[in-house]
Full PDB file with SEQRES, HELIX, SHEET, SSBOND, CRYST1, ORIGX, SCALE, CONECT and MASTER records, all heavy atoms in Angstrom:
SEQRES   1 A   37  TRP GLN GLY LEU GLU LEU ARG LEU ARG GLU GLY ASP ILE          
SEQRES   2 A   37  VAL VAL SER GLN ASP ASN ASN CYS ASP ILE SER ASP TYR          
SEQRES   3 A   37  ILE ASP ASN CYS GLY GLN LEU VAL PHE ILE SER                  
HELIX    1 AA1 GLN A    2  LEU A    4  5                                   3    
HELIX    2 AA2 ILE A   23  ASP A   25  5                                   3    
HELIX    3 AA3 ILE A   27  ASN A   29  5                                   3    
CRYST1    1.000    1.000    1.000  90.00  90.00  90.00 P 1           1          
ORIGX1      1.000000  0.000000  0.000000        0.00000                         
ORIGX2      0.000000  1.000000  0.000000        0.00000                         
ORIGX3      0.000000  0.000000  1.000000        0.00000                         
SCALE1      1.000000  0.000000  0.000000        0.00000                         
SCALE2      0.000000  1.000000  0.000000        0.00000                         
SCALE3      0.000000  0.000000  1.000000        0.00000                         
ATOM      1  N   TRP A   1     120.754  42.484 -19.061  1.00  0.00           N  
ATOM      2  CA  TRP A   1     119.334  42.220 -18.830  1.00  0.00           C  
ATOM      3  C   TRP A   1     118.904  40.947 -19.556  1.00  0.00           C  
ATOM      4  O   TRP A   1     118.261  40.083 -18.984  1.00  0.00           O  
ATOM      5  CB  TRP A   1     118.488  43.414 -19.259  1.00  0.00           C  
ATOM      6  CG  TRP A   1     117.023  43.129 -19.242  1.00  0.00           C  
ATOM      7  CD1 TRP A   1     116.195  42.973 -20.323  1.00  0.00           C  
ATOM      8  CD2 TRP A   1     116.197  42.910 -18.090  1.00  0.00           C  
ATOM      9  NE1 TRP A   1     114.918  42.689 -19.910  1.00  0.00           N  
ATOM     10  CE2 TRP A   1     114.899  42.640 -18.546  1.00  0.00           C  
ATOM     11  CE3 TRP A   1     116.444  42.910 -16.719  1.00  0.00           C  
ATOM     12  CZ2 TRP A   1     113.835  42.383 -17.687  1.00  0.00           C  
ATOM     13  CZ3 TRP A   1     115.383  42.650 -15.858  1.00  0.00           C  
ATOM     14  CH2 TRP A   1     114.099  42.390 -16.340  1.00  0.00           C  
ATOM     15  N   GLN A   2     119.264  40.834 -20.831  1.00  0.00           N  
ATOM     16  CA  GLN A   2     118.891  39.651 -21.595  1.00  0.00           C  
ATOM     17  C   GLN A   2     119.582  38.408 -21.052  1.00  0.00           C  
ATOM     18  O   GLN A   2     119.022  37.316 -21.069  1.00  0.00           O  
ATOM     19  CB  GLN A   2     119.210  39.847 -23.074  1.00  0.00           C  
ATOM     20  CG  GLN A   2     118.304  40.873 -23.718  1.00  0.00           C  
ATOM     21  CD  GLN A   2     118.712  41.232 -25.139  1.00  0.00           C  
ATOM     22  OE1 GLN A   2     119.794  40.861 -25.589  1.00  0.00           O  
ATOM     23  NE2 GLN A   2     117.858  41.957 -25.827  1.00  0.00           N  
ATOM     24  N   GLY A   3     120.797  38.576 -20.513  1.00  0.00           N  
ATOM     25  CA  GLY A   3     121.527  37.455 -19.935  1.00  0.00           C  
ATOM     26  C   GLY A   3     120.882  36.896 -18.674  1.00  0.00           C  
ATOM     27  O   GLY A   3     121.095  35.738 -18.323  1.00  0.00           O  
ATOM     28  N   LEU A   4     120.072  37.704 -17.996  1.00  0.00           N  
ATOM     29  CA  LEU A   4     119.397  37.222 -16.785  1.00  0.00           C  
ATOM     30  C   LEU A   4     118.319  36.206 -17.110  1.00  0.00           C  
ATOM     31  O   LEU A   4     117.995  35.345 -16.296  1.00  0.00           O  
ATOM     32  CB  LEU A   4     118.783  38.385 -16.009  1.00  0.00           C  
ATOM     33  CG  LEU A   4     119.739  39.334 -15.332  1.00  0.00           C  
ATOM     34  CD1 LEU A   4     118.963  40.392 -14.561  1.00  0.00           C  
ATOM     35  CD2 LEU A   4     120.680  38.597 -14.400  1.00  0.00           C  
ATOM     36  N   GLU A   5     117.720  36.319 -18.292  1.00  0.00           N  
ATOM     37  CA  GLU A   5     116.669  35.400 -18.740  1.00  0.00           C  
ATOM     38  C   GLU A   5     115.553  35.273 -17.711  1.00  0.00           C  
ATOM     39  O   GLU A   5     115.095  34.181 -17.389  1.00  0.00           O  
ATOM     40  CB  GLU A   5     117.262  34.027 -19.059  1.00  0.00           C  
ATOM     41  CG  GLU A   5     118.322  34.061 -20.130  1.00  0.00           C  
ATOM     42  CD  GLU A   5     119.046  32.748 -20.311  1.00  0.00           C  
ATOM     43  OE1 GLU A   5     118.827  31.801 -19.501  1.00  0.00           O  
ATOM     44  OE2 GLU A   5     119.836  32.642 -21.249  1.00  0.00           O  
ATOM     45  N   LEU A   6     115.105  36.388 -17.174  1.00  0.00           N  
ATOM     46  CA  LEU A   6     114.021  36.369 -16.194  1.00  0.00           C  
ATOM     47  C   LEU A   6     112.712  35.988 -16.876  1.00  0.00           C  
ATOM     48  O   LEU A   6     112.425  36.409 -17.991  1.00  0.00           O  
ATOM     49  CB  LEU A   6     113.885  37.736 -15.522  1.00  0.00           C  
ATOM     50  CG  LEU A   6     115.046  38.185 -14.658  1.00  0.00           C  
ATOM     51  CD1 LEU A   6     114.767  39.560 -14.065  1.00  0.00           C  
ATOM     52  CD2 LEU A   6     115.313  37.195 -13.548  1.00  0.00           C  
ATOM     53  N   ARG A   7     111.939  35.193 -16.179  1.00  0.00           N  
ATOM     54  CA  ARG A   7     110.627  34.789 -16.702  1.00  0.00           C  
ATOM     55  C   ARG A   7     109.615  35.881 -16.357  1.00  0.00           C  
ATOM     56  O   ARG A   7     109.377  36.179 -15.191  1.00  0.00           O  
ATOM     57  CB  ARG A   7     110.204  33.458 -16.080  1.00  0.00           C  
ATOM     58  CG  ARG A   7     111.032  32.282 -16.557  1.00  0.00           C  
ATOM     59  CD  ARG A   7     110.487  30.971 -16.022  1.00  0.00           C  
ATOM     60  NE  ARG A   7     110.534  30.876 -14.571  1.00  0.00           N  
ATOM     61  CZ  ARG A   7     111.554  30.397 -13.875  1.00  0.00           C  
ATOM     62  NH1 ARG A   7     112.629  29.992 -14.495  1.00  0.00           N  
ATOM     63  NH2 ARG A   7     111.498  30.326 -12.563  1.00  0.00           N  
ATOM     64  N   LEU A   8     109.042  36.449 -17.379  1.00  0.00           N  
ATOM     65  CA  LEU A   8     108.055  37.498 -17.189  1.00  0.00           C  
ATOM     66  C   LEU A   8     106.705  37.013 -17.668  1.00  0.00           C  
ATOM     67  O   LEU A   8     106.605  36.172 -18.555  1.00  0.00           O  
ATOM     68  CB  LEU A   8     108.467  38.766 -17.963  1.00  0.00           C  
ATOM     69  CG  LEU A   8     109.811  39.364 -17.582  1.00  0.00           C  
ATOM     70  CD1 LEU A   8     110.160  40.513 -18.510  1.00  0.00           C  
ATOM     71  CD2 LEU A   8     109.791  39.843 -16.142  1.00  0.00           C  
ATOM     72  N   ARG A   9     105.667  37.559 -17.074  1.00  0.00           N  
ATOM     73  CA  ARG A   9     104.298  37.234 -17.469  1.00  0.00           C  
ATOM     74  C   ARG A   9     103.693  38.418 -18.205  1.00  0.00           C  
ATOM     75  O   ARG A   9     104.169  39.551 -18.092  1.00  0.00           O  
ATOM     76  CB  ARG A   9     103.457  36.918 -16.243  1.00  0.00           C  
ATOM     77  CG  ARG A   9     103.923  35.699 -15.500  1.00  0.00           C  
ATOM     78  CD  ARG A   9     103.024  35.422 -14.321  1.00  0.00           C  
ATOM     79  NE  ARG A   9     103.528  34.276 -13.587  1.00  0.00           N  
ATOM     80  CZ  ARG A   9     103.328  34.068 -12.320  1.00  0.00           C  
ATOM     81  NH1 ARG A   9     102.630  34.930 -11.608  1.00  0.00           N  
ATOM     82  NH2 ARG A   9     103.802  33.010 -11.726  1.00  0.00           N  
ATOM     83  N   GLU A  10     102.628  38.160 -18.901  1.00  0.00           N  
ATOM     84  CA  GLU A  10     101.919  39.240 -19.566  1.00  0.00           C  
ATOM     85  C   GLU A  10     101.421  40.213 -18.498  1.00  0.00           C  
ATOM     86  O   GLU A  10     100.892  39.810 -17.473  1.00  0.00           O  
ATOM     87  CB  GLU A  10     100.736  38.685 -20.351  1.00  0.00           C  
ATOM     88  CG  GLU A  10     100.062  39.716 -21.208  1.00  0.00           C  
ATOM     89  CD  GLU A  10      98.970  39.119 -22.068  1.00  0.00           C  
ATOM     90  OE1 GLU A  10      99.031  37.911 -22.360  1.00  0.00           O  
ATOM     91  OE2 GLU A  10      98.053  39.865 -22.431  1.00  0.00           O  
ATOM     92  N   GLY A  11     101.600  41.463 -18.729  1.00  0.00           N  
ATOM     93  CA  GLY A  11     101.192  42.483 -17.768  1.00  0.00           C  
ATOM     94  C   GLY A  11     102.320  42.966 -16.880  1.00  0.00           C  
ATOM     95  O   GLY A  11     102.194  44.008 -16.233  1.00  0.00           O  
ATOM     96  N   ASP A  12     103.432  42.223 -16.820  1.00  0.00           N  
ATOM     97  CA  ASP A  12     104.580  42.687 -16.046  1.00  0.00           C  
ATOM     98  C   ASP A  12     105.175  43.908 -16.741  1.00  0.00           C  
ATOM     99  O   ASP A  12     105.162  44.013 -17.971  1.00  0.00           O  
ATOM    100  CB  ASP A  12     105.646  41.592 -15.934  1.00  0.00           C  
ATOM    101  CG  ASP A  12     105.224  40.460 -15.013  1.00  0.00           C  
ATOM    102  OD1 ASP A  12     104.205  40.615 -14.297  1.00  0.00           O  
ATOM    103  OD2 ASP A  12     105.910  39.418 -15.005  1.00  0.00           O  
ATOM    104  N   ILE A  13     105.694  44.816 -15.947  1.00  0.00           N  
ATOM    105  CA  ILE A  13     106.258  46.056 -16.477  1.00  0.00           C  
ATOM    106  C   ILE A  13     107.749  46.081 -16.172  1.00  0.00           C  
ATOM    107  O   ILE A  13     108.160  45.856 -15.026  1.00  0.00           O  
ATOM    108  CB  ILE A  13     105.564  47.280 -15.843  1.00  0.00           C  
ATOM    109  CG1 ILE A  13     104.087  47.281 -16.208  1.00  0.00           C  
ATOM    110  CG2 ILE A  13     106.244  48.572 -16.265  1.00  0.00           C  
ATOM    111  CD1 ILE A  13     103.275  48.310 -15.466  1.00  0.00           C  
ATOM    112  N   VAL A  14     108.534  46.347 -17.205  1.00  0.00           N  
ATOM    113  CA  VAL A  14     109.981  46.465 -17.048  1.00  0.00           C  
ATOM    114  C   VAL A  14     110.364  47.898 -17.385  1.00  0.00           C  
ATOM    115  O   VAL A  14     110.035  48.404 -18.451  1.00  0.00           O  
ATOM    116  CB  VAL A  14     110.734  45.481 -17.967  1.00  0.00           C  
ATOM    117  CG1 VAL A  14     112.240  45.672 -17.832  1.00  0.00           C  
ATOM    118  CG2 VAL A  14     110.348  44.043 -17.646  1.00  0.00           C  
ATOM    119  N   VAL A  15     111.038  48.543 -16.444  1.00  0.00           N  
ATOM    120  CA  VAL A  15     111.475  49.926 -16.632  1.00  0.00           C  
ATOM    121  C   VAL A  15     112.996  49.938 -16.649  1.00  0.00           C  
ATOM    122  O   VAL A  15     113.632  49.443 -15.719  1.00  0.00           O  
ATOM    123  CB  VAL A  15     110.952  50.840 -15.502  1.00  0.00           C  
ATOM    124  CG1 VAL A  15     111.440  52.263 -15.693  1.00  0.00           C  
ATOM    125  CG2 VAL A  15     109.435  50.793 -15.431  1.00  0.00           C  
ATOM    126  N   SER A  16     113.549  50.477 -17.720  1.00  0.00           N  
ATOM    127  CA  SER A  16     115.000  50.593 -17.844  1.00  0.00           C  
ATOM    128  C   SER A  16     115.337  51.998 -18.298  1.00  0.00           C  
ATOM    129  O   SER A  16     114.444  52.828 -18.490  1.00  0.00           O  
ATOM    130  CB  SER A  16     115.524  49.564 -18.846  1.00  0.00           C  
ATOM    131  OG  SER A  16     115.080  49.887 -20.143  1.00  0.00           O  
ATOM    132  N   GLN A  17     116.610  52.229 -18.502  1.00  0.00           N  
ATOM    133  CA  GLN A  17     117.029  53.547 -18.947  1.00  0.00           C  
ATOM    134  C   GLN A  17     116.509  53.852 -20.353  1.00  0.00           C  
ATOM    135  O   GLN A  17     116.390  55.008 -20.728  1.00  0.00           O  
ATOM    136  CB  GLN A  17     118.547  53.663 -18.884  1.00  0.00           C  
ATOM    137  CG  GLN A  17     119.045  53.577 -17.456  1.00  0.00           C  
ATOM    138  CD  GLN A  17     120.551  53.620 -17.326  1.00  0.00           C  
ATOM    139  OE1 GLN A  17     121.247  54.111 -18.195  1.00  0.00           O  
ATOM    140  NE2 GLN A  17     121.064  53.090 -16.228  1.00  0.00           N  
ATOM    141  N   ASP A  18     116.172  52.807 -21.106  1.00  0.00           N  
ATOM    142  CA  ASP A  18     115.644  52.985 -22.465  1.00  0.00           C  
ATOM    143  C   ASP A  18     114.172  53.375 -22.472  1.00  0.00           C  
ATOM    144  O   ASP A  18     113.698  54.006 -23.411  1.00  0.00           O  
ATOM    145  CB  ASP A  18     115.817  51.701 -23.284  1.00  0.00           C  
ATOM    146  CG  ASP A  18     117.281  51.359 -23.481  1.00  0.00           C  
ATOM    147  OD1 ASP A  18     118.122  52.277 -23.453  1.00  0.00           O  
ATOM    148  OD2 ASP A  18     117.588  50.168 -23.658  1.00  0.00           O  
ATOM    149  N   ASN A  19     113.412  52.947 -21.477  1.00  0.00           N  
ATOM    150  CA  ASN A  19     111.970  53.223 -21.448  1.00  0.00           C  
ATOM    151  C   ASN A  19     111.542  53.764 -20.082  1.00  0.00           C  
ATOM    152  O   ASN A  19     110.587  53.294 -19.496  1.00  0.00           O  
ATOM    153  CB  ASN A  19     111.167  51.966 -21.802  1.00  0.00           C  
ATOM    154  CG  ASN A  19     111.304  50.875 -20.755  1.00  0.00           C  
ATOM    155  OD1 ASN A  19     112.206  50.902 -19.946  1.00  0.00           O  
ATOM    156  ND2 ASN A  19     110.414  49.928 -20.784  1.00  0.00           N  
ATOM    157  N   ASN A  20     112.251  54.755 -19.626  1.00  0.00           N  
ATOM    158  CA  ASN A  20     112.004  55.345 -18.312  1.00  0.00           C  
ATOM    159  C   ASN A  20     110.567  55.877 -18.223  1.00  0.00           C  
ATOM    160  O   ASN A  20     110.112  56.582 -19.111  1.00  0.00           O  
ATOM    161  CB  ASN A  20     113.001  56.476 -18.072  1.00  0.00           C  
ATOM    162  CG  ASN A  20     112.977  56.980 -16.655  1.00  0.00           C  
ATOM    163  OD1 ASN A  20     112.240  56.479 -15.815  1.00  0.00           O  
ATOM    164  ND2 ASN A  20     113.781  57.981 -16.385  1.00  0.00           N  
ATOM    165  N   CYS A  21     109.843  55.484 -17.176  1.00  0.00           N  
ATOM    166  CA  CYS A  21     108.479  55.970 -16.983  1.00  0.00           C  
ATOM    167  C   CYS A  21     108.196  56.136 -15.493  1.00  0.00           C  
ATOM    168  O   CYS A  21     108.952  55.662 -14.660  1.00  0.00           O  
ATOM    169  CB  CYS A  21     107.463  55.033 -17.625  1.00  0.00           C  
ATOM    170  SG  CYS A  21     107.297  53.445 -16.816  1.00  0.00           S  
ATOM    171  N   ASP A  22     107.100  56.799 -15.199  1.00  0.00           N  
ATOM    172  CA  ASP A  22     106.679  57.018 -13.816  1.00  0.00           C  
ATOM    173  C   ASP A  22     105.904  55.780 -13.355  1.00  0.00           C  
ATOM    174  O   ASP A  22     104.848  55.468 -13.902  1.00  0.00           O  
ATOM    175  CB  ASP A  22     105.803  58.267 -13.746  1.00  0.00           C  
ATOM    176  CG  ASP A  22     105.398  58.613 -12.330  1.00  0.00           C  
ATOM    177  OD1 ASP A  22     105.794  57.903 -11.393  1.00  0.00           O  
ATOM    178  OD2 ASP A  22     104.675  59.610 -12.167  1.00  0.00           O  
ATOM    179  N   ILE A  23     106.426  55.085 -12.354  1.00  0.00           N  
ATOM    180  CA  ILE A  23     105.788  53.840 -11.916  1.00  0.00           C  
ATOM    181  C   ILE A  23     104.714  54.065 -10.867  1.00  0.00           C  
ATOM    182  O   ILE A  23     103.997  53.130 -10.513  1.00  0.00           O  
ATOM    183  CB  ILE A  23     106.829  52.834 -11.374  1.00  0.00           C  
ATOM    184  CG1 ILE A  23     107.555  53.392 -10.145  1.00  0.00           C  
ATOM    185  CG2 ILE A  23     107.796  52.424 -12.458  1.00  0.00           C  
ATOM    186  CD1 ILE A  23     108.406  52.383  -9.418  1.00  0.00           C  
ATOM    187  N   SER A  24     104.553  55.288 -10.373  1.00  0.00           N  
ATOM    188  CA  SER A  24     103.610  55.512  -9.272  1.00  0.00           C  
ATOM    189  C   SER A  24     102.175  55.169  -9.678  1.00  0.00           C  
ATOM    190  O   SER A  24     101.379  54.772  -8.833  1.00  0.00           O  
ATOM    191  CB  SER A  24     103.697  56.938  -8.749  1.00  0.00           C  
ATOM    192  OG  SER A  24     103.463  57.866  -9.766  1.00  0.00           O  
ATOM    193  N   ASP A  25     101.841  55.259 -10.955  1.00  0.00           N  
ATOM    194  CA  ASP A  25     100.493  54.903 -11.409  1.00  0.00           C  
ATOM    195  C   ASP A  25     100.259  53.393 -11.406  1.00  0.00           C  
ATOM    196  O   ASP A  25      99.125  52.943 -11.367  1.00  0.00           O  
ATOM    197  CB  ASP A  25     100.244  55.437 -12.821  1.00  0.00           C  
ATOM    198  CG  ASP A  25     100.227  56.951 -12.865  1.00  0.00           C  
ATOM    199  OD1 ASP A  25      99.947  57.576 -11.816  1.00  0.00           O  
ATOM    200  OD2 ASP A  25     100.505  57.511 -13.933  1.00  0.00           O  
ATOM    201  N   TYR A  26     101.336  52.622 -11.451  1.00  0.00           N  
ATOM    202  CA  TYR A  26     101.214  51.171 -11.548  1.00  0.00           C  
ATOM    203  C   TYR A  26     101.341  50.465 -10.205  1.00  0.00           C  
ATOM    204  O   TYR A  26     100.982  49.308 -10.078  1.00  0.00           O  
ATOM    205  CB  TYR A  26     102.266  50.618 -12.507  1.00  0.00           C  
ATOM    206  CG  TYR A  26     102.213  51.235 -13.873  1.00  0.00           C  
ATOM    207  CD1 TYR A  26     103.180  52.119 -14.304  1.00  0.00           C  
ATOM    208  CD2 TYR A  26     101.163  50.943 -14.734  1.00  0.00           C  
ATOM    209  CE1 TYR A  26     103.126  52.698 -15.560  1.00  0.00           C  
ATOM    210  CE2 TYR A  26     101.100  51.516 -15.991  1.00  0.00           C  
ATOM    211  CZ  TYR A  26     102.084  52.384 -16.398  1.00  0.00           C  
ATOM    212  OH  TYR A  26     102.019  52.959 -17.630  1.00  0.00           O  
ATOM    213  N   ILE A  27     101.890  51.142  -9.206  1.00  0.00           N  
ATOM    214  CA  ILE A  27     102.142  50.501  -7.916  1.00  0.00           C  
ATOM    215  C   ILE A  27     100.855  49.986  -7.287  1.00  0.00           C  
ATOM    216  O   ILE A  27     100.854  48.959  -6.613  1.00  0.00           O  
ATOM    217  CB  ILE A  27     102.889  51.458  -6.960  1.00  0.00           C  
ATOM    218  CG1 ILE A  27     104.308  51.681  -7.469  1.00  0.00           C  
ATOM    219  CG2 ILE A  27     102.931  50.917  -5.552  1.00  0.00           C  
ATOM    220  CD1 ILE A  27     105.114  52.645  -6.639  1.00  0.00           C  
ATOM    221  N   ASP A  28      99.741  50.674  -7.522  1.00  0.00           N  
ATOM    222  CA  ASP A  28      98.459  50.252  -6.947  1.00  0.00           C  
ATOM    223  C   ASP A  28      98.119  48.804  -7.264  1.00  0.00           C  
ATOM    224  O   ASP A  28      97.478  48.125  -6.473  1.00  0.00           O  
ATOM    225  CB  ASP A  28      97.318  51.128  -7.474  1.00  0.00           C  
ATOM    226  CG  ASP A  28      97.261  52.479  -6.779  1.00  0.00           C  
ATOM    227  OD1 ASP A  28      97.897  52.622  -5.728  1.00  0.00           O  
ATOM    228  OD2 ASP A  28      96.566  53.356  -7.295  1.00  0.00           O  
ATOM    229  N   ASN A  29      98.519  48.331  -8.425  1.00  0.00           N  
ATOM    230  CA  ASN A  29      98.100  47.008  -8.888  1.00  0.00           C  
ATOM    231  C   ASN A  29      99.214  45.975  -8.902  1.00  0.00           C  
ATOM    232  O   ASN A  29      99.015  44.888  -9.430  1.00  0.00           O  
ATOM    233  CB  ASN A  29      97.510  47.130 -10.293  1.00  0.00           C  
ATOM    234  CG  ASN A  29      96.294  48.023 -10.301  1.00  0.00           C  
ATOM    235  OD1 ASN A  29      95.433  47.910  -9.437  1.00  0.00           O  
ATOM    236  ND2 ASN A  29      96.240  48.932 -11.250  1.00  0.00           N  
ATOM    237  N   CYS A  30     100.369  46.301  -8.357  1.00  0.00           N  
ATOM    238  CA  CYS A  30     101.463  45.335  -8.445  1.00  0.00           C  
ATOM    239  C   CYS A  30     101.520  44.451  -7.206  1.00  0.00           C  
ATOM    240  O   CYS A  30     101.097  44.838  -6.128  1.00  0.00           O  
ATOM    241  CB  CYS A  30     102.792  46.042  -8.692  1.00  0.00           C  
ATOM    242  SG  CYS A  30     103.604  46.726  -7.252  1.00  0.00           S  
ATOM    243  N   GLY A  31     102.057  43.267  -7.405  1.00  0.00           N  
ATOM    244  CA  GLY A  31     102.287  42.346  -6.304  1.00  0.00           C  
ATOM    245  C   GLY A  31     103.735  42.398  -5.843  1.00  0.00           C  
ATOM    246  O   GLY A  31     104.039  42.159  -4.685  1.00  0.00           O  
ATOM    247  N   GLN A  32     104.628  42.692  -6.810  1.00  0.00           N  
ATOM    248  CA  GLN A  32     106.051  42.805  -6.501  1.00  0.00           C  
ATOM    249  C   GLN A  32     106.617  44.030  -7.209  1.00  0.00           C  
ATOM    250  O   GLN A  32     106.350  44.253  -8.389  1.00  0.00           O  
ATOM    251  CB  GLN A  32     106.825  41.578  -6.978  1.00  0.00           C  
ATOM    252  CG  GLN A  32     106.545  40.322  -6.206  1.00  0.00           C  
ATOM    253  CD  GLN A  32     107.368  39.150  -6.725  1.00  0.00           C  
ATOM    254  OE1 GLN A  32     107.786  39.111  -7.868  1.00  0.00           O  
ATOM    255  NE2 GLN A  32     107.587  38.180  -5.856  1.00  0.00           N  
ATOM    256  N   LEU A  33     107.382  44.797  -6.476  1.00  0.00           N  
ATOM    257  CA  LEU A  33     108.118  45.926  -7.024  1.00  0.00           C  
ATOM    258  C   LEU A  33     109.586  45.587  -6.842  1.00  0.00           C  
ATOM    259  O   LEU A  33     110.069  45.472  -5.714  1.00  0.00           O  
ATOM    260  CB  LEU A  33     107.762  47.223  -6.291  1.00  0.00           C  
ATOM    261  CG  LEU A  33     108.528  48.479  -6.675  1.00  0.00           C  
ATOM    262  CD1 LEU A  33     108.361  48.796  -8.161  1.00  0.00           C  
ATOM    263  CD2 LEU A  33     108.069  49.661  -5.837  1.00  0.00           C  
ATOM    264  N   VAL A  34     110.283  45.360  -7.954  1.00  0.00           N  
ATOM    265  CA  VAL A  34     111.660  44.860  -7.921  1.00  0.00           C  
ATOM    266  C   VAL A  34     112.603  45.932  -8.447  1.00  0.00           C  
ATOM    267  O   VAL A  34     112.391  46.472  -9.536  1.00  0.00           O  
ATOM    268  CB  VAL A  34     111.799  43.580  -8.775  1.00  0.00           C  
ATOM    269  CG1 VAL A  34     113.220  43.044  -8.716  1.00  0.00           C  
ATOM    270  CG2 VAL A  34     110.802  42.524  -8.336  1.00  0.00           C  
ATOM    271  N   PHE A  35     113.635  46.230  -7.670  1.00  0.00           N  
ATOM    272  CA  PHE A  35     114.688  47.141  -8.100  1.00  0.00           C  
ATOM    273  C   PHE A  35     115.977  46.347  -8.226  1.00  0.00           C  
ATOM    274  O   PHE A  35     116.391  45.682  -7.275  1.00  0.00           O  
ATOM    275  CB  PHE A  35     114.900  48.271  -7.087  1.00  0.00           C  
ATOM    276  CG  PHE A  35     113.741  49.221  -6.999  1.00  0.00           C  
ATOM    277  CD1 PHE A  35     112.853  49.142  -5.941  1.00  0.00           C  
ATOM    278  CD2 PHE A  35     113.534  50.184  -7.970  1.00  0.00           C  
ATOM    279  CE1 PHE A  35     111.776  50.011  -5.850  1.00  0.00           C  
ATOM    280  CE2 PHE A  35     112.461  51.052  -7.898  1.00  0.00           C  
ATOM    281  CZ  PHE A  35     111.582  50.964  -6.843  1.00  0.00           C  
ATOM    282  N   ILE A  36     116.581  46.392  -9.392  1.00  0.00           N  
ATOM    283  CA  ILE A  36     117.897  45.787  -9.609  1.00  0.00           C  
ATOM    284  C   ILE A  36     118.842  46.950  -9.865  1.00  0.00           C  
ATOM    285  O   ILE A  36     118.756  47.617 -10.890  1.00  0.00           O  
ATOM    286  CB  ILE A  36     117.890  44.810 -10.797  1.00  0.00           C  
ATOM    287  CG1 ILE A  36     116.851  43.709 -10.573  1.00  0.00           C  
ATOM    288  CG2 ILE A  36     119.278  44.211 -11.000  1.00  0.00           C  
ATOM    289  CD1 ILE A  36     116.656  42.773 -11.750  1.00  0.00           C  
ATOM    290  N   SER A  37     119.716  47.224  -8.892  1.00  0.00           N  
ATOM    291  CA  SER A  37     120.521  48.433  -8.928  1.00  0.00           C  
ATOM    292  C   SER A  37     121.971  48.152  -8.574  1.00  0.00           C  
ATOM    293  O   SER A  37     122.253  47.393  -7.649  1.00  0.00           O  
ATOM    294  CB  SER A  37     119.961  49.455  -7.935  1.00  0.00           C  
ATOM    295  OG  SER A  37     120.787  50.594  -7.857  1.00  0.00           O  
TER     296      SER A  37                                                      
MASTER        0    0    0    3    0    0    0    6  295    1    0    3          
END                                                                             
């Protein structure tokens, strides 16, 4: 993940196995929903 060096903005949400959360509450306000699998 750190090797990807993705540019993130304030307010962006990153969900990984370390901080697993329910994203359904956030989908209403997102512009992009990205899955890297």
